[in-house]
């Protein structure tokens, strides 16, 4: 299964959903077409890309193409 994170206007992750492997290549298009409009970025459950698996509250760093946990 493929995972996609919804990114708000402040580049904050607000939601993470699962998309079938068959639809992975068009995840953002599929989600927007189902009425879940917005910016969706694929995330890796195993952390194989984009630094880490996106969690709600994380920030998406567009320049470095990674998800970043909030600082405590």
Protein backbone atom coordinates (compact mmCIF):
# COMPACT_ATOMS: atom_id res chain seq x y z
CA UNK A 1 0.00 0.00 0.00
CA UNK A 2 1.10 3.57 -0.69
CA UNK A 3 0.70 6.40 1.80
CA UNK A 4 0.00 10.06 1.07
CA UNK A 5 0.15 13.04 3.42
CA UNK A 6 -2.15 16.03 3.01
CA UNK A 7 -0.21 19.29 3.27
CA UNK A 8 -1.89 22.57 4.29
CA UNK A 9 -0.94 26.12 3.27
CA UNK A 10 1.74 26.19 6.00
CA UNK A 11 3.29 22.90 4.81
CA UNK A 12 1.94 21.10 7.88
CA UNK A 13 0.75 17.50 7.57
CA UNK A 14 -2.95 17.37 8.45
CA UNK A 15 -3.87 13.86 7.34
CA UNK A 16 -2.22 10.64 6.15
CA UNK A 17 -4.14 8.15 4.01
CA UNK A 18 -3.53 4.84 2.25
CA UNK A 19 -3.85 4.38 -1.50
CA UNK A 20 -3.68 1.03 -3.29
CA UNK A 21 -0.41 0.10 -4.97
CA UNK A 22 -2.22 0.13 -8.32
CA UNK A 23 -3.04 3.83 -7.83
CA UNK A 24 0.29 4.89 -6.29
CA UNK A 25 1.46 6.60 -9.50
CA UNK A 26 -1.61 8.87 -9.48
CA UNK A 27 -2.27 9.21 -5.74
CA UNK A 28 -2.74 12.99 -5.60
CA UNK A 29 -4.94 12.96 -8.71
CA UNK A 30 -7.03 10.10 -7.31
CA UNK A 31 -7.52 11.73 -3.90
CA UNK A 32 -8.46 15.09 -5.41
CA UNK A 33 -10.88 13.32 -7.77
CA UNK A 34 -12.56 11.66 -4.78
CA UNK A 35 -13.21 15.08 -3.24
CA UNK A 36 -10.20 15.13 -0.90
CA UNK A 37 -8.86 18.28 -2.49
CA UNK A 38 -5.52 19.81 -1.66
CA UNK A 39 -1.84 19.09 -1.90
CA UNK A 40 -0.87 15.44 -1.31
CA UNK A 41 2.72 14.21 -1.02
CA UNK A 42 3.66 10.55 -0.96
CA UNK A 43 5.36 9.33 2.21
CA UNK A 44 7.18 6.08 2.91
CA UNK A 45 6.03 3.87 5.78
CA UNK A 46 9.54 2.40 5.92
CA UNK A 47 11.22 5.82 5.68
CA UNK A 48 12.76 4.87 2.33
CA UNK A 49 12.30 8.39 0.99
CA UNK A 50 11.45 11.90 2.21
CA UNK A 51 13.36 11.33 5.44
CA UNK A 52 10.63 9.71 7.52
CA UNK A 53 7.04 8.58 7.49
CA UNK A 54 4.84 11.68 7.68
CA UNK A 55 2.80 12.14 10.84
CA UNK A 56 0.08 14.67 11.58
CA UNK A 57 1.78 17.85 12.77
CA UNK A 58 4.99 17.26 10.84
CA UNK A 59 6.19 19.86 8.35
CA UNK A 60 6.95 19.14 4.71
CA UNK A 61 10.21 20.84 3.69
CA UNK A 62 9.73 21.38 -0.04
CA UNK A 63 13.31 22.52 -0.64
CA UNK A 64 14.86 19.35 0.80
CA UNK A 65 11.84 17.15 -0.08
CA UNK A 66 11.60 15.68 3.44
CA UNK A 67 9.13 15.51 6.32
CA UNK A 68 10.35 17.05 9.57
CA UNK A 69 9.03 16.38 13.08
CA UNK A 70 8.07 19.40 15.19
CA UNK A 71 10.73 20.68 17.56
CA UNK A 72 9.95 20.12 21.24
